[in-house]
C-alpha atoms as a PDB file:
ATOM      1  CA  MET A   1     -39.522  30.139  -9.774  1.00  0.00           C
ATOM      2  CA  PRO A   2     -37.771  31.314  -6.563  1.00  0.00           C
ATOM      3  CA  HIS A   3     -34.712  33.349  -6.558  1.00  0.00           C
ATOM      4  CA  PRO A   4     -31.665  31.017  -6.141  1.00  0.00           C
ATOM      5  CA  ARG A   5     -30.971  32.612  -2.748  1.00  0.00           C
ATOM      6  CA  GLN A   6     -34.537  32.277  -1.684  1.00  0.00           C
ATOM      7  CA  ALA A   7     -34.391  28.514  -2.728  1.00  0.00           C
ATOM      8  CA  THR A   8     -31.244  27.950  -0.744  1.00  0.00           C
ATOM      9  CA  GLY A   9     -32.695  29.623   2.501  1.00  0.00           C
ATOM     10  CA  THR A  10     -35.907  27.758   2.008  1.00  0.00           C
ATOM     11  CA  LYS A  11     -34.110  24.468   1.802  1.00  0.00           C
ATOM     12  CA  ALA A  12     -32.262  25.180   5.011  1.00  0.00           C
ATOM     13  CA  ASP A  13     -35.525  26.115   6.538  1.00  0.00           C
ATOM     14  CA  ILE A  14     -37.261  22.923   5.346  1.00  0.00           C
ATOM     15  CA  LEU A  15     -34.220  20.890   6.680  1.00  0.00           C
ATOM     16  CA  ASP A  16     -34.398  22.602  10.125  1.00  0.00           C
ATOM     17  CA  SER A  17     -38.147  22.128  10.264  1.00  0.00           C
ATOM     18  CA  ALA A  18     -37.721  18.467   9.353  1.00  0.00           C
ATOM     19  CA  LEU A  19     -34.991  17.849  11.859  1.00  0.00           C
ATOM     20  CA  THR A  20     -36.981  19.453  14.796  1.00  0.00           C
ATOM     21  CA  LEU A  21     -40.011  17.359  13.799  1.00  0.00           C
ATOM     22  CA  PHE A  22     -38.156  14.147  13.287  1.00  0.00           C
ATOM     23  CA  LEU A  23     -36.590  14.544  16.600  1.00  0.00           C
ATOM     24  CA  ALA A  24     -39.929  15.311  18.350  1.00  0.00           C
ATOM     25  CA  ARG A  25     -42.066  12.911  16.558  1.00  0.00           C
ATOM     26  CA  GLY A  26     -40.119  10.337  14.585  1.00  0.00           C
ATOM     27  CA  TYR A  27     -39.483  10.170  10.898  1.00  0.00           C
ATOM     28  CA  GLU A  28     -42.457   7.860  10.042  1.00  0.00           C
ATOM     29  CA  ALA A  29     -44.967   9.926  12.193  1.00  0.00           C
ATOM     30  CA  THR A  30     -43.935  13.203  10.345  1.00  0.00           C
ATOM     31  CA  SER A  31     -45.572  14.354   7.076  1.00  0.00           C
ATOM     32  CA  LEU A  32     -44.299  16.619   4.554  1.00  0.00           C
ATOM     33  CA  GLU A  33     -47.256  18.733   5.252  1.00  0.00           C
ATOM     34  CA  GLN A  34     -46.149  19.175   8.937  1.00  0.00           C
ATOM     35  CA  ILE A  35     -42.775  20.000   7.800  1.00  0.00           C
ATOM     36  CA  GLY A  36     -43.911  22.822   5.726  1.00  0.00           C
ATOM     37  CA  GLU A  37     -46.510  24.134   8.002  1.00  0.00           C
ATOM     38  CA  PRO A  38     -44.325  26.118  10.333  1.00  0.00           C
ATOM     39  CA  LEU A  39     -42.855  27.823   7.013  1.00  0.00           C
ATOM     40  CA  GLY A  40     -46.151  28.494   5.424  1.00  0.00           C
ATOM     41  CA  LEU A  41     -45.219  25.982   2.832  1.00  0.00           C
ATOM     42  CA  THR A  42     -47.533  23.342   1.235  1.00  0.00           C
ATOM     43  CA  ARG A  43     -46.582  19.772   0.755  1.00  0.00           C
ATOM     44  CA  GLN A  44     -45.997  20.471  -2.943  1.00  0.00           C
ATOM     45  CA  ALA A  45     -43.683  23.307  -1.988  1.00  0.00           C
ATOM     46  CA  VAL A  46     -41.561  21.121   0.204  1.00  0.00           C
ATOM     47  CA  LEU A  47     -41.638  18.536  -2.758  1.00  0.00           C
ATOM     48  CA  TYR A  48     -40.373  21.308  -4.964  1.00  0.00           C
ATOM     49  CA  HIS A  49     -36.942  21.345  -3.006  1.00  0.00           C
ATOM     50  CA  PHE A  50     -36.856  17.630  -2.057  1.00  0.00           C
ATOM     51  CA  HIS A  51     -38.522  15.109  -4.274  1.00  0.00           C
ATOM     52  CA  SER A  52     -39.450  12.832  -1.445  1.00  0.00           C
ATOM     53  CA  LYS A  53     -39.405  12.622   2.373  1.00  0.00           C
ATOM     54  CA  GLU A  54     -36.442  10.054   1.879  1.00  0.00           C
ATOM     55  CA  GLU A  55     -34.605  12.618  -0.082  1.00  0.00           C
ATOM     56  CA  LEU A  56     -35.174  15.057   2.760  1.00  0.00           C
ATOM     57  CA  LEU A  57     -33.842  12.770   5.261  1.00  0.00           C
ATOM     58  CA  ALA A  58     -30.907  11.884   3.297  1.00  0.00           C
ATOM     59  CA  ALA A  59     -29.985  15.521   2.858  1.00  0.00           C
ATOM     60  CA  LEU A  60     -30.045  15.901   6.564  1.00  0.00           C
ATOM     61  CA  VAL A  61     -28.102  13.035   7.478  1.00  0.00           C
ATOM     62  CA  GLU A  62     -25.502  12.479   4.705  1.00  0.00           C
ATOM     63  CA  PRO A  63     -23.177  15.427   5.677  1.00  0.00           C
ATOM     64  CA  THR A  64     -22.844  13.859   9.253  1.00  0.00           C
ATOM     65  CA  ILE A  65     -22.262  10.380   7.987  1.00  0.00           C
ATOM     66  CA  GLU A  66     -19.794  11.398   5.452  1.00  0.00           C
ATOM     67  CA  SER A  67     -17.704  13.276   7.983  1.00  0.00           C
ATOM     68  CA  ALA A  68     -17.835  10.398  10.374  1.00  0.00           C
ATOM     69  CA  GLY A  69     -16.675   8.316   7.499  1.00  0.00           C
ATOM     70  CA  HIS A  70     -13.782  10.469   6.444  1.00  0.00           C
ATOM     71  CA  ILE A  71     -12.514  10.130  10.171  1.00  0.00           C
ATOM     72  CA  VAL A  72     -12.938   6.438  10.332  1.00  0.00           C
ATOM     73  CA  ASP A  73     -11.173   6.228   6.773  1.00  0.00           C
ATOM     74  CA  SER A  74      -8.341   8.186   8.143  1.00  0.00           C
ATOM     75  CA  TRP A  75      -7.893   5.998  11.287  1.00  0.00           C
ATOM     76  CA  GLU A  76      -8.246   2.630   9.099  1.00  0.00           C
ATOM     77  CA  GLU A  77      -5.490   4.021   7.033  1.00  0.00           C
ATOM     78  CA  ARG A  78      -2.900   4.777   9.868  1.00  0.00           C
ATOM     79  CA  GLY A  79      -4.236   2.233  12.211  1.00  0.00           C
ATOM     80  CA  VAL A  80      -5.112   2.302  15.892  1.00  0.00           C
ATOM     81  CA  THR A  81      -2.274   0.597  17.926  1.00  0.00           C
ATOM     82  CA  SER A  82      -2.352   2.145  21.309  1.00  0.00           C
ATOM     83  CA  ARG A  83      -4.616   3.670  23.973  1.00  0.00           C
ATOM     84  CA  ALA A  84      -3.544   7.132  22.695  1.00  0.00           C
ATOM     85  CA  ASP A  85      -4.713   6.268  19.266  1.00  0.00           C
ATOM     86  CA  ARG A  86      -8.052   5.052  20.705  1.00  0.00           C
ATOM     87  CA  ARG A  87      -8.388   8.355  22.691  1.00  0.00           C
ATOM     88  CA  ALA A  88      -7.647  10.330  19.531  1.00  0.00           C
ATOM     89  CA  LEU A  89     -10.168   8.505  17.564  1.00  0.00           C
ATOM     90  CA  ILE A  90     -12.917   8.848  20.140  1.00  0.00           C
ATOM     91  CA  THR A  91     -12.011  12.403  20.612  1.00  0.00           C
ATOM     92  CA  ALA A  92     -12.274  13.013  16.728  1.00  0.00           C
ATOM     93  CA  LEU A  93     -15.725  11.195  16.552  1.00  0.00           C
ATOM     94  CA  VAL A  94     -17.109  13.208  19.495  1.00  0.00           C
ATOM     95  CA  ASP A  95     -15.667  16.526  18.152  1.00  0.00           C
ATOM     96  CA  ASN A  96     -17.315  15.720  14.779  1.00  0.00           C
ATOM     97  CA  VAL A  97     -20.671  15.173  16.579  1.00  0.00           C
ATOM     98  CA  ALA A  98     -20.346  18.214  18.628  1.00  0.00           C
ATOM     99  CA  GLY A  99     -20.960  20.461  15.592  1.00  0.00           C
ATOM    100  CA  GLN A 100     -23.906  18.254  14.318  1.00  0.00           C
ATOM    101  CA  GLN A 101     -25.410  17.210  17.470  1.00  0.00           C
ATOM    102  CA  ARG A 102     -29.066  17.263  16.579  1.00  0.00           C
ATOM    103  CA  VAL A 103     -28.492  15.157  13.397  1.00  0.00           C
ATOM    104  CA  ALA A 104     -26.455  12.739  15.253  1.00  0.00           C
ATOM    105  CA  ALA A 105     -29.210  12.397  17.942  1.00  0.00           C
ATOM    106  CA  LEU A 106     -31.691  11.778  15.096  1.00  0.00           C
ATOM    107  CA  LEU A 107     -29.284   9.022  13.521  1.00  0.00           C
ATOM    108  CA  ILE A 108     -28.966   7.540  17.030  1.00  0.00           C
ATOM    109  CA  ARG A 109     -32.748   7.648  18.088  1.00  0.00           C
ATOM    110  CA  PHE A 110     -34.310   6.758  14.695  1.00  0.00           C
ATOM    111  CA  THR A 111     -31.798   4.277  13.080  1.00  0.00           C
ATOM    112  CA  ASN A 112     -34.525   1.869  12.438  1.00  0.00           C
ATOM    113  CA  GLU A 113     -36.718   4.338  10.798  1.00  0.00           C
ATOM    114  CA  ALA A 114     -33.773   5.687   8.769  1.00  0.00           C
ATOM    115  CA  GLU A 115     -34.002   2.476   6.580  1.00  0.00           C
ATOM    116  CA  ALA A 116     -36.386   4.501   4.334  1.00  0.00           C
ATOM    117  CA  ALA A 117     -33.410   6.527   2.970  1.00  0.00           C
ATOM    118  CA  GLN A 118     -31.051   3.498   3.037  1.00  0.00           C
ATOM    119  CA  VAL A 119     -29.249   5.183   6.042  1.00  0.00           C
ATOM    120  CA  ALA A 120     -29.494   2.030   8.343  1.00  0.00           C
ATOM    121  CA  PRO A 121     -26.995  -0.220   6.514  1.00  0.00           C
ATOM    122  CA  ILE A 122     -24.531   2.853   6.258  1.00  0.00           C
ATOM    123  CA  LEU A 123     -24.770   3.352   9.944  1.00  0.00           C
ATOM    124  CA  VAL A 124     -24.396  -0.302  10.683  1.00  0.00           C
ATOM    125  CA  SER A 125     -21.177  -0.589   8.502  1.00  0.00           C
ATOM    126  CA  LEU A 126     -19.798   2.679  10.129  1.00  0.00           C
ATOM    127  CA  SER A 127     -20.453   1.315  13.631  1.00  0.00           C
ATOM    128  CA  GLN A 128     -18.726  -1.992  12.693  1.00  0.00           C
ATOM    129  CA  ARG A 129     -15.835  -0.104  11.358  1.00  0.00           C
ATOM    130  CA  VAL A 130     -15.546   1.987  14.568  1.00  0.00           C
ATOM    131  CA  ALA A 131     -15.924  -1.106  16.746  1.00  0.00           C
ATOM    132  CA  ALA A 132     -13.064  -2.843  14.727  1.00  0.00           C
ATOM    133  CA  LEU A 133     -10.754   0.323  15.216  1.00  0.00           C
ATOM    134  CA  LEU A 134     -11.553   0.186  18.992  1.00  0.00           C
ATOM    135  CA  THR A 135     -10.854  -3.405  19.457  1.00  0.00           C
ATOM    136  CA  ASP A 136      -7.506  -4.500  20.492  1.00  0.00           C
ATOM    137  CA  PRO A 137      -6.570  -6.926  17.707  1.00  0.00           C
ATOM    138  CA  ASP A 138      -4.935  -9.446  20.077  1.00  0.00           C
ATOM    139  CA  LYS A 139      -8.168  -9.710  22.105  1.00  0.00           C
ATOM    140  CA  ALA A 140     -10.782  -9.540  19.177  1.00  0.00           C
ATOM    141  CA  ASP A 141     -12.224 -12.920  20.143  1.00  0.00           C
ATOM    142  CA  ASP A 142     -12.245 -12.243  23.831  1.00  0.00           C
ATOM    143  CA  PRO A 143     -16.058 -11.871  24.904  1.00  0.00           C
ATOM    144  CA  ALA A 144     -15.161  -9.432  27.565  1.00  0.00           C
ATOM    145  CA  THR A 145     -13.246  -7.176  25.063  1.00  0.00           C
ATOM    146  CA  GLN A 146     -16.203  -7.418  22.696  1.00  0.00           C
ATOM    147  CA  VAL A 147     -18.547  -6.151  25.560  1.00  0.00           C
ATOM    148  CA  ARG A 148     -16.196  -3.312  26.513  1.00  0.00           C
ATOM    149  CA  VAL A 149     -16.051  -2.049  22.910  1.00  0.00           C
ATOM    150  CA  LEU A 150     -19.965  -2.084  22.725  1.00  0.00           C
ATOM    151  CA  ALA A 151     -19.898  -0.410  26.148  1.00  0.00           C
ATOM    152  CA  ALA A 152     -17.642   2.344  24.829  1.00  0.00           C
ATOM    153  CA  MET A 153     -19.742   2.952  21.626  1.00  0.00           C
ATOM    154  CA  GLY A 154     -22.851   2.882  23.877  1.00  0.00           C
ATOM    155  CA  ALA A 155     -21.142   5.464  26.211  1.00  0.00           C
ATOM    156  CA  MET A 156     -20.561   7.614  23.146  1.00  0.00           C
ATOM    157  CA  ASN A 157     -23.988   7.078  21.487  1.00  0.00           C
ATOM    158  CA  GLY A 158     -26.207   7.131  24.587  1.00  0.00           C
ATOM    159  CA  PRO A 159     -25.654  10.808  25.807  1.00  0.00           C
ATOM    160  CA  ILE A 160     -25.627  12.119  22.149  1.00  0.00           C
ATOM    161  CA  GLY A 161     -28.873  10.394  21.498  1.00  0.00           C
ATOM    162  CA  ALA A 162     -30.549  11.397  24.775  1.00  0.00           C
ATOM    163  CA  ARG A 163     -33.788  13.564  24.999  1.00  0.00           C
ATOM    164  CA  VAL A 164     -31.891  15.899  27.182  1.00  0.00           C
ATOM    165  CA  PRO A 165     -29.137  17.458  25.116  1.00  0.00           C
ATOM    166  CA  LEU A 166     -25.642  17.157  26.288  1.00  0.00           C
ATOM    167  CA  ALA A 167     -23.682  20.356  26.086  1.00  0.00           C
ATOM    168  CA  LEU A 168     -21.053  19.269  23.493  1.00  0.00           C
ATOM    169  CA  ASP A 169     -20.315  22.709  22.827  1.00  0.00           C
ATOM    170  CA  ASP A 170     -18.309  22.508  26.025  1.00  0.00           C
ATOM    171  CA  PRO A 171     -14.794  21.063  25.723  1.00  0.00           C
ATOM    172  CA  ALA A 172     -15.123  19.787  29.431  1.00  0.00           C
ATOM    173  CA  VAL A 173     -18.206  17.901  28.601  1.00  0.00           C
ATOM    174  CA  ARG A 174     -16.695  16.455  25.220  1.00  0.00           C
ATOM    175  CA  GLN A 175     -13.582  15.472  27.422  1.00  0.00           C
ATOM    176  CA  ALA A 176     -15.920  13.810  30.031  1.00  0.00           C
ATOM    177  CA  LEU A 177     -17.515  11.843  27.197  1.00  0.00           C
ATOM    178  CA  VAL A 178     -14.194  10.772  25.905  1.00  0.00           C
ATOM    179  CA  ASP A 179     -13.059   9.644  29.273  1.00  0.00           C
ATOM    180  CA  ALA A 180     -16.371   7.679  29.729  1.00  0.00           C
ATOM    181  CA  CYS A 181     -15.672   5.754  26.459  1.00  0.00           C
ATOM    182  CA  LEU A 182     -12.105   5.049  27.455  1.00  0.00           C
ATOM    183  CA  ALA A 183     -13.160   3.819  30.852  1.00  0.00           C
ATOM    184  CA  ALA A 184     -15.578   1.551  29.276  1.00  0.00           C
ATOM    185  CA  LEU A 185     -12.729  -0.013  27.181  1.00  0.00           C
ATOM    186  CA  GLY A 186     -10.894  -0.599  30.371  1.00  0.00           C
END
């Protein structure tokens, strides 16, 4: 049996290997054998730490989804009533993703494949909640407003999920992304 510190390090290494391969090949096209190979681990060794590929995917994405969910929960409690509130919400979401950019890119790129770990329904719900927060309640039924909200969300998700990574560790880049989202909202 591995020493607890070794097991923790191995788990982190497996997660990193899986993330790298999921981003490069996709979830469905990546096997547990491929995940373990760069680490010198067999499929069974990977399964020792994560009982299934779905569990591995869930372990990768849950922290990012949970932190975004906490941001949305907070804004739902206080309400988004102004452009300044929308800017603060978008900034919080972009800042959250900045620290978890590779996982966020995986979620954006492979949402359909993420159904294997029951991730897709959670992402759809989270996206709907963000859209509701970004929508001016007085204009919720206006098609132009609906398009602007979707464009703002696309402005946020597109660069994050892009194959060429955006330097979200740079505050100026994050600010430009927030500004692009706000510009889409009009």
